[in-house]
C-alpha atoms as a PDB file:
ATOM      1  CA  MET A   1      -1.426  14.934  12.283  1.00  0.00           C
ATOM      2  CA  TYR A   2      -3.191  11.791  11.090  1.00  0.00           C
ATOM      3  CA  THR A   3       0.151   9.961  10.926  1.00  0.00           C
ATOM      4  CA  ILE A   4       0.943  10.763  14.559  1.00  0.00           C
ATOM      5  CA  ALA A   5      -2.569   9.739  15.615  1.00  0.00           C
ATOM      6  CA  ALA A   6      -2.260   6.462  13.686  1.00  0.00           C
ATOM      7  CA  SER A   7       1.112   5.688  15.282  1.00  0.00           C
ATOM      8  CA  LEU A   8      -0.249   6.406  18.774  1.00  0.00           C
ATOM      9  CA  LEU A   9      -3.208   4.118  18.077  1.00  0.00           C
ATOM     10  CA  GLY A  10      -0.759   1.304  17.360  1.00  0.00           C
ATOM     11  CA  ILE A  11       1.066   1.547  20.682  1.00  0.00           C
ATOM     12  CA  ILE A  12      -2.250   1.825  22.551  1.00  0.00           C
ATOM     13  CA  LEU A  13      -3.572  -1.303  20.842  1.00  0.00           C
ATOM     14  CA  MET A  14      -0.392  -3.299  21.362  1.00  0.00           C
ATOM     15  CA  ILE A  15       0.702  -2.363  24.876  1.00  0.00           C
ATOM     16  CA  PHE A  16      -2.421  -1.143  26.640  1.00  0.00           C
ATOM     17  CA  ILE A  17      -5.208  -3.273  25.154  1.00  0.00           C
ATOM     18  CA  VAL A  18      -4.059  -6.555  23.574  1.00  0.00           C
ATOM     19  CA  LEU A  19      -1.091  -7.166  25.908  1.00  0.00           C
ATOM     20  CA  PRO A  20      -3.245  -7.108  29.092  1.00  0.00           C
ATOM     21  CA  LEU A  21      -5.733  -9.420  27.355  1.00  0.00           C
ATOM     22  CA  TYR A  22      -2.891 -11.786  26.453  1.00  0.00           C
ATOM     23  CA  ILE A  23      -1.648 -11.831  30.053  1.00  0.00           C
ATOM     24  CA  PHE A  24      -5.186 -12.441  31.328  1.00  0.00           C
ATOM     25  CA  PHE A  25      -5.864 -15.416  29.050  1.00  0.00           C
ATOM     26  CA  LYS A  26      -2.386 -16.855  29.501  1.00  0.00           C
ATOM     27  CA  ARG A  27      -2.863 -16.984  33.259  1.00  0.00           C
ATOM     28  CA  SER A  28      -6.471 -18.159  33.080  1.00  0.00           C
ATOM     29  CA  LYS A  29      -7.086 -21.815  33.792  1.00  0.00           C
ATOM     30  CA  LYS A  30     -10.327 -21.945  31.816  1.00  0.00           C
ATOM     31  CA  GLU A  31     -10.531 -24.368  28.918  1.00  0.00           C
ATOM     32  CA  GLY A  32      -9.512 -22.779  25.641  1.00  0.00           C
ATOM     33  CA  SER A  33      -7.729 -19.862  27.288  1.00  0.00           C
ATOM     34  CA  ALA A  34      -4.293 -21.074  26.182  1.00  0.00           C
ATOM     35  CA  LYS A  35      -5.305 -21.061  22.508  1.00  0.00           C
ATOM     36  CA  ILE A  36      -6.780 -17.571  22.804  1.00  0.00           C
ATOM     37  CA  ALA A  37      -3.566 -16.406  24.474  1.00  0.00           C
ATOM     38  CA  VAL A  38      -1.468 -17.693  21.557  1.00  0.00           C
ATOM     39  CA  ILE A  39      -3.734 -15.916  19.060  1.00  0.00           C
ATOM     40  CA  LEU A  40      -3.507 -12.678  21.032  1.00  0.00           C
ATOM     41  CA  LYS A  41       0.270 -13.010  21.288  1.00  0.00           C
ATOM     42  CA  GLY A  42       0.590 -13.274  17.534  1.00  0.00           C
ATOM     43  CA  SER A  43      -1.877 -10.447  16.955  1.00  0.00           C
ATOM     44  CA  ILE A  44       0.256  -7.986  18.940  1.00  0.00           C
ATOM     45  CA  THR A  45       3.237  -8.501  16.627  1.00  0.00           C
ATOM     46  CA  LEU A  46       0.826  -8.505  13.671  1.00  0.00           C
ATOM     47  CA  ILE A  47      -0.171  -4.918  14.502  1.00  0.00           C
ATOM     48  CA  ALA A  48       3.476  -3.834  14.304  1.00  0.00           C
ATOM     49  CA  LEU A  49       3.933  -5.834  11.094  1.00  0.00           C
ATOM     50  CA  LEU A  50       0.960  -4.106   9.440  1.00  0.00           C
ATOM     51  CA  TYR A  51       2.418  -0.676  10.198  1.00  0.00           C
ATOM     52  CA  CYS A  52       5.766  -1.788   8.808  1.00  0.00           C
ATOM     53  CA  VAL A  53       4.182  -3.167   5.615  1.00  0.00           C
ATOM     54  CA  ALA A  54       2.236   0.075   5.148  1.00  0.00           C
ATOM     55  CA  GLY A  55       5.466   2.086   5.337  1.00  0.00           C
ATOM     56  CA  TRP A  56       7.334  -0.333   3.084  1.00  0.00           C
ATOM     57  CA  GLN A  57       4.635  -0.332   0.396  1.00  0.00           C
ATOM     58  CA  ARG A  58       4.323   3.452   0.366  1.00  0.00           C
ATOM     59  CA  ALA A  59       8.099   3.872   0.218  1.00  0.00           C
ATOM     60  CA  GLY A  60       8.215   1.523  -2.753  1.00  0.00           C
ATOM     61  CA  ALA A  61       5.415   3.428  -4.503  1.00  0.00           C
ATOM     62  CA  GLU A  62       7.178   6.763  -3.981  1.00  0.00           C
ATOM     63  CA  THR A  63      10.687   5.655  -4.860  1.00  0.00           C
ATOM     64  CA  ASP A  64      10.545   7.014  -8.428  1.00  0.00           C
ATOM     65  CA  GLY A  65      11.167  10.742  -8.435  1.00  0.00           C
ATOM     66  CA  SER A  66      11.055  11.112  -4.647  1.00  0.00           C
ATOM     67  CA  THR A  67      13.751  12.194  -2.252  1.00  0.00           C
ATOM     68  CA  LEU A  68      13.072   9.397   0.204  1.00  0.00           C
ATOM     69  CA  PRO A  69      16.273   7.713   1.458  1.00  0.00           C
ATOM     70  CA  TRP A  70      16.883   4.641  -0.708  1.00  0.00           C
ATOM     71  CA  PHE A  71      16.767   2.206   2.197  1.00  0.00           C
ATOM     72  CA  MET A  72      13.247   3.221   3.246  1.00  0.00           C
ATOM     73  CA  ASN A  73      11.743   0.620   0.892  1.00  0.00           C
ATOM     74  CA  SER A  74      13.882  -2.106   2.478  1.00  0.00           C
ATOM     75  CA  PHE A  75      12.143  -5.435   2.999  1.00  0.00           C
ATOM     76  CA  TRP A  76      14.427  -6.458   5.905  1.00  0.00           C
ATOM     77  CA  PRO A  77      12.358  -4.996   8.786  1.00  0.00           C
ATOM     78  CA  VAL A  78       9.200  -6.470   7.238  1.00  0.00           C
ATOM     79  CA  ALA A  79      10.880  -9.874   6.986  1.00  0.00           C
ATOM     80  CA  GLY A  80      12.173  -9.561  10.546  1.00  0.00           C
ATOM     81  CA  LEU A  81       8.749  -8.768  11.957  1.00  0.00           C
ATOM     82  CA  LEU A  82       7.178 -11.576   9.943  1.00  0.00           C
ATOM     83  CA  LEU A  83       9.695 -14.055  11.364  1.00  0.00           C
ATOM     84  CA  CYS A  84       9.141 -12.743  14.890  1.00  0.00           C
ATOM     85  CA  LEU A  85       5.379 -13.088  14.435  1.00  0.00           C
ATOM     86  CA  ALA A  86       5.832 -16.752  13.509  1.00  0.00           C
ATOM     87  CA  ALA A  87       8.299 -17.176  16.385  1.00  0.00           C
ATOM     88  CA  ASP A  88       5.852 -15.714  18.913  1.00  0.00           C
ATOM     89  CA  VAL A  89       3.412 -18.495  18.099  1.00  0.00           C
ATOM     90  CA  LEU A  90       5.937 -21.308  17.585  1.00  0.00           C
ATOM     91  CA  LEU A  91       7.698 -20.480  20.859  1.00  0.00           C
ATOM     92  CA  GLU A  92       4.606 -21.691  22.706  1.00  0.00           C
ATOM     93  CA  ILE A  93       4.715 -25.012  20.837  1.00  0.00           C
ATOM     94  CA  VAL A  94       8.392 -25.836  20.183  1.00  0.00           C
ATOM     95  CA  PHE A  95      10.614 -23.460  22.162  1.00  0.00           C
ATOM     96  CA  PHE A  96      13.903 -23.908  20.307  1.00  0.00           C
ATOM     97  CA  ALA A  97      12.214 -23.724  16.906  1.00  0.00           C
ATOM     98  CA  GLY A  98      10.755 -20.397  17.970  1.00  0.00           C
ATOM     99  CA  MET A  99      14.183 -19.285  19.144  1.00  0.00           C
ATOM    100  CA  GLY A 100      15.557 -20.183  15.707  1.00  0.00           C
ATOM    101  CA  LEU A 101      13.018 -17.932  14.008  1.00  0.00           C
ATOM    102  CA  PHE A 102      13.853 -15.101  16.400  1.00  0.00           C
ATOM    103  CA  PHE A 103      17.511 -15.653  15.469  1.00  0.00           C
ATOM    104  CA  LEU A 104      16.660 -15.162  11.785  1.00  0.00           C
ATOM    105  CA  GLY A 105      14.527 -12.145  12.666  1.00  0.00           C
ATOM    106  CA  HIS A 106      17.509 -10.483  14.313  1.00  0.00           C
ATOM    107  CA  VAL A 107      19.639 -11.230  11.245  1.00  0.00           C
ATOM    108  CA  CYS A 108      17.077  -9.268   9.199  1.00  0.00           C
ATOM    109  CA  TYR A 109      17.216  -6.366  11.656  1.00  0.00           C
ATOM    110  CA  ILE A 110      21.025  -6.308  11.542  1.00  0.00           C
ATOM    111  CA  LEU A 111      20.954  -6.188   7.730  1.00  0.00           C
ATOM    112  CA  PHE A 112      18.521  -3.260   7.951  1.00  0.00           C
ATOM    113  CA  PHE A 113      20.841  -1.465  10.377  1.00  0.00           C
ATOM    114  CA  ILE A 114      23.716  -1.900   7.929  1.00  0.00           C
ATOM    115  CA  GLN A 115      21.569  -0.332   5.217  1.00  0.00           C
ATOM    116  CA  ILE A 116      20.662   2.662   7.374  1.00  0.00           C
ATOM    117  CA  GLY A 117      24.156   3.695   8.368  1.00  0.00           C
ATOM    118  CA  LYS A 118      27.774   2.658   8.402  1.00  0.00           C
ATOM    119  CA  VAL A 119      28.824   0.250  11.127  1.00  0.00           C
ATOM    120  CA  SER A 120      30.572   2.311  13.787  1.00  0.00           C
ATOM    121  CA  MET A 121      34.015   1.059  14.808  1.00  0.00           C
ATOM    122  CA  ALA A 122      32.967   1.740  18.397  1.00  0.00           C
ATOM    123  CA  ALA A 123      30.499  -1.146  18.039  1.00  0.00           C
ATOM    124  CA  ILE A 124      33.365  -3.652  18.047  1.00  0.00           C
ATOM    125  CA  PRO A 125      34.732  -3.007  21.576  1.00  0.00           C
ATOM    126  CA  VAL A 126      31.170  -2.665  22.892  1.00  0.00           C
ATOM    127  CA  PHE A 127      30.300  -6.063  21.439  1.00  0.00           C
ATOM    128  CA  LEU A 128      33.473  -7.720  22.754  1.00  0.00           C
ATOM    129  CA  ILE A 129      32.905  -6.426  26.288  1.00  0.00           C
ATOM    130  CA  LEU A 130      29.254  -7.483  26.331  1.00  0.00           C
ATOM    131  CA  GLU A 131      30.083 -10.823  24.705  1.00  0.00           C
ATOM    132  CA  THR A 132      32.582 -11.606  27.471  1.00  0.00           C
ATOM    133  CA  VAL A 133      30.002 -10.773  30.145  1.00  0.00           C
ATOM    134  CA  MET A 134      27.360 -12.857  28.350  1.00  0.00           C
ATOM    135  CA  VAL A 135      29.575 -15.949  28.026  1.00  0.00           C
ATOM    136  CA  LEU A 136      30.587 -15.785  31.693  1.00  0.00           C
ATOM    137  CA  TYR A 137      26.956 -15.334  32.691  1.00  0.00           C
ATOM    138  CA  PHE A 138      25.601 -18.315  30.772  1.00  0.00           C
ATOM    139  CA  TRP A 139      28.558 -20.546  31.579  1.00  0.00           C
ATOM    140  CA  GLN A 140      27.745 -20.462  35.283  1.00  0.00           C
ATOM    141  CA  TYR A 141      24.459 -22.185  34.394  1.00  0.00           C
ATOM    142  CA  HIS A 142      25.901 -24.646  31.862  1.00  0.00           C
ATOM    143  CA  LYS A 143      25.142 -27.672  34.043  1.00  0.00           C
ATOM    144  CA  LYS A 144      21.511 -26.614  34.326  1.00  0.00           C
ATOM    145  CA  LEU A 145      21.199 -25.768  30.625  1.00  0.00           C
ATOM    146  CA  GLY A 146      23.090 -28.840  29.420  1.00  0.00           C
ATOM    147  CA  LYS A 147      23.352 -29.148  25.652  1.00  0.00           C
ATOM    148  CA  SER A 148      21.219 -26.037  25.156  1.00  0.00           C
ATOM    149  CA  THR A 149      24.018 -23.855  26.584  1.00  0.00           C
ATOM    150  CA  ILE A 150      25.538 -23.385  23.126  1.00  0.00           C
ATOM    151  CA  ALA A 151      22.150 -22.427  21.661  1.00  0.00           C
ATOM    152  CA  TYR A 152      21.645 -19.768  24.340  1.00  0.00           C
ATOM    153  CA  MET A 153      25.160 -18.421  23.772  1.00  0.00           C
ATOM    154  CA  LEU A 154      24.762 -18.268  19.992  1.00  0.00           C
ATOM    155  CA  TYR A 155      21.472 -16.447  20.284  1.00  0.00           C
ATOM    156  CA  GLY A 156      22.889 -14.209  23.005  1.00  0.00           C
ATOM    157  CA  SER A 157      25.834 -13.327  20.757  1.00  0.00           C
ATOM    158  CA  LEU A 158      23.607 -12.436  17.821  1.00  0.00           C
ATOM    159  CA  ILE A 159      21.357 -10.117  19.785  1.00  0.00           C
ATOM    160  CA  LEU A 160      24.455  -8.406  21.148  1.00  0.00           C
ATOM    161  CA  VAL A 161      25.411  -7.707  17.519  1.00  0.00           C
ATOM    162  CA  THR A 162      21.927  -6.206  17.094  1.00  0.00           C
ATOM    163  CA  PHE A 163      22.504  -4.063  20.170  1.00  0.00           C
ATOM    164  CA  SER A 164      26.078  -3.031  19.312  1.00  0.00           C
ATOM    165  CA  PHE A 165      25.183  -2.023  15.746  1.00  0.00           C
ATOM    166  CA  GLY A 166      21.894  -0.438  16.727  1.00  0.00           C
ATOM    167  CA  ILE A 167      22.939   1.909  19.524  1.00  0.00           C
ATOM    168  CA  PHE A 168      25.292   3.858  17.243  1.00  0.00           C
ATOM    169  CA  LEU A 169      22.740   4.434  14.470  1.00  0.00           C
ATOM    170  CA  PRO A 170      21.740   7.904  15.755  1.00  0.00           C
ATOM    171  CA  PHE A 171      25.391   8.906  15.291  1.00  0.00           C
ATOM    172  CA  THR A 172      25.955   7.247  11.899  1.00  0.00           C
ATOM    173  CA  ALA A 173      22.513   7.780  10.333  1.00  0.00           C
ATOM    174  CA  GLY A 174      21.147  10.823  12.160  1.00  0.00           C
ATOM    175  CA  GLU A 175      17.446  11.037  12.984  1.00  0.00           C
ATOM    176  CA  MET A 176      16.689   8.033  10.764  1.00  0.00           C
ATOM    177  CA  GLY A 177      18.631   5.884  13.214  1.00  0.00           C
ATOM    178  CA  VAL A 178      16.817   6.876  16.412  1.00  0.00           C
ATOM    179  CA  LEU A 179      13.859   4.496  16.198  1.00  0.00           C
ATOM    180  CA  PRO A 180      15.921   1.461  15.071  1.00  0.00           C
ATOM    181  CA  ALA A 181      18.336   2.184  17.925  1.00  0.00           C
ATOM    182  CA  MET A 182      15.451   2.232  20.406  1.00  0.00           C
ATOM    183  CA  ALA A 183      14.186  -1.034  18.924  1.00  0.00           C
ATOM    184  CA  ALA A 184      17.594  -2.673  19.346  1.00  0.00           C
ATOM    185  CA  VAL A 185      17.857  -1.638  22.999  1.00  0.00           C
ATOM    186  CA  LEU A 186      14.306  -2.666  23.918  1.00  0.00           C
ATOM    187  CA  LEU A 187      14.470  -6.034  22.154  1.00  0.00           C
ATOM    188  CA  VAL A 188      17.795  -7.003  23.715  1.00  0.00           C
ATOM    189  CA  ILE A 189      16.645  -6.007  27.199  1.00  0.00           C
ATOM    190  CA  SER A 190      13.500  -8.121  26.795  1.00  0.00           C
ATOM    191  CA  ASP A 191      15.480 -11.134  25.539  1.00  0.00           C
ATOM    192  CA  TYR A 192      17.889 -11.114  28.455  1.00  0.00           C
ATOM    193  CA  MET A 193      15.030 -10.622  30.912  1.00  0.00           C
ATOM    194  CA  LEU A 194      13.385 -13.676  29.344  1.00  0.00           C
ATOM    195  CA  ALA A 195      16.613 -15.653  29.742  1.00  0.00           C
ATOM    196  CA  TYR A 196      16.679 -14.694  33.419  1.00  0.00           C
ATOM    197  CA  GLN A 197      13.053 -15.819  33.724  1.00  0.00           C
ATOM    198  CA  ILE A 198      13.825 -19.216  32.212  1.00  0.00           C
ATOM    199  CA  ILE A 199      17.202 -19.932  33.772  1.00  0.00           C
ATOM    200  CA  VAL A 200      17.255 -18.196  37.142  1.00  0.00           C
ATOM    201  CA  LYS A 201      13.937 -17.159  38.629  1.00  0.00           C
ATOM    202  CA  LYS A 202      10.420 -16.603  37.326  1.00  0.00           C
ATOM    203  CA  SER A 203       8.409 -13.535  38.245  1.00  0.00           C
ATOM    204  CA  GLU A 204       4.937 -12.589  37.006  1.00  0.00           C
ATOM    205  CA  PHE A 205       5.770  -8.901  37.292  1.00  0.00           C
ATOM    206  CA  ARG A 206       9.019  -9.331  35.334  1.00  0.00           C
ATOM    207  CA  GLU A 207       7.129 -11.243  32.653  1.00  0.00           C
ATOM    208  CA  VAL A 208       4.770  -8.301  32.089  1.00  0.00           C
ATOM    209  CA  VAL A 209       7.684  -5.843  32.001  1.00  0.00           C
ATOM    210  CA  LEU A 210       9.739  -7.877  29.522  1.00  0.00           C
ATOM    211  CA  LEU A 211       6.741  -8.335  27.231  1.00  0.00           C
ATOM    212  CA  GLY A 212       6.179  -4.583  27.334  1.00  0.00           C
ATOM    213  CA  PHE A 213       9.829  -4.043  26.356  1.00  0.00           C
ATOM    214  CA  TYR A 214       9.599  -6.673  23.623  1.00  0.00           C
ATOM    215  CA  TRP A 215       6.522  -5.336  21.881  1.00  0.00           C
ATOM    216  CA  ALA A 216       7.610  -1.736  22.329  1.00  0.00           C
ATOM    217  CA  GLY A 217      10.812  -2.761  20.534  1.00  0.00           C
ATOM    218  CA  GLN A 218       8.884  -4.370  17.685  1.00  0.00           C
ATOM    219  CA  TYR A 219       6.699  -1.275  17.478  1.00  0.00           C
ATOM    220  CA  CYS A 220       9.785   0.965  17.211  1.00  0.00           C
ATOM    221  CA  MET A 221      11.131  -1.286  14.470  1.00  0.00           C
ATOM    222  CA  ALA A 222       7.875  -0.936  12.522  1.00  0.00           C
ATOM    223  CA  MET A 223       7.826   2.831  13.070  1.00  0.00           C
ATOM    224  CA  SER A 224      11.368   3.087  11.682  1.00  0.00           C
ATOM    225  CA  LEU A 225       9.742   2.573   8.265  1.00  0.00           C
ATOM    226  CA  PHE A 226       6.231   3.892   8.857  1.00  0.00           C
ATOM    227  CA  LEU A 227       6.941   7.299  10.388  1.00  0.00           C
ATOM    228  CA  PRO A 228       9.749   8.531   8.093  1.00  0.00           C
ATOM    229  CA  VAL A 229       7.757   7.597   4.974  1.00  0.00           C
ATOM    230  CA  TYR A 230       4.450   9.101   6.061  1.00  0.00           C
ATOM    231  CA  LEU A 231       5.957  12.200   7.678  1.00  0.00           C
ATOM    232  CA  TYR A 232       8.492  12.936   4.960  1.00  0.00           C
ATOM    233  CA  ASP A 233       6.224  15.330   3.045  1.00  0.00           C
ATOM    234  CA  LEU A 234       5.203  17.306   6.140  1.00  0.00           C
END
């Protein structure tokens, strides 16, 4: 009961309290608001990271003599969230440096997915189809993007690997794969919405929606360690 309450508190803090505050300060023109917005942005991911660390530490403490799945003390989701936390802040300062950290964060998530369950062969055709669509999509804006076109395509390809591996986890890993699969879907949707914001057309409403998807995805990633570990004995 306390575990469920604690997990609900996290999503309330992230999505319904700190996120609106971040949006408010980001759009405010008062002096100092931009710095507060950056702090709030990092603090949202920090909440998810703290849940993930709590699950990781407890899994490590209970590894000896427990029946917890061996991968539940994996450091990869912790590392991924830590990189994304740094990227959230750096993105506001040096965009492509922040993108690079997000790239590494997704590598960590992919490695975690591989630990959870076998890579489904169905992921390969899914990736190839989506990759073709992605390349065609970004190529039509290559004149606008210039030299950064390759960077967008590389990042777009990696997150499609995250998506393609992630969506089959409920079938290859059972219930342990549900939350990571949700994280993969939410994070990829938010990234492509962000790309649309940057390349095609900005929308304040879309910005709020994509941020909701993004932090919900990070929350699901954190819960993929936190909930199984703390609920395992129930």
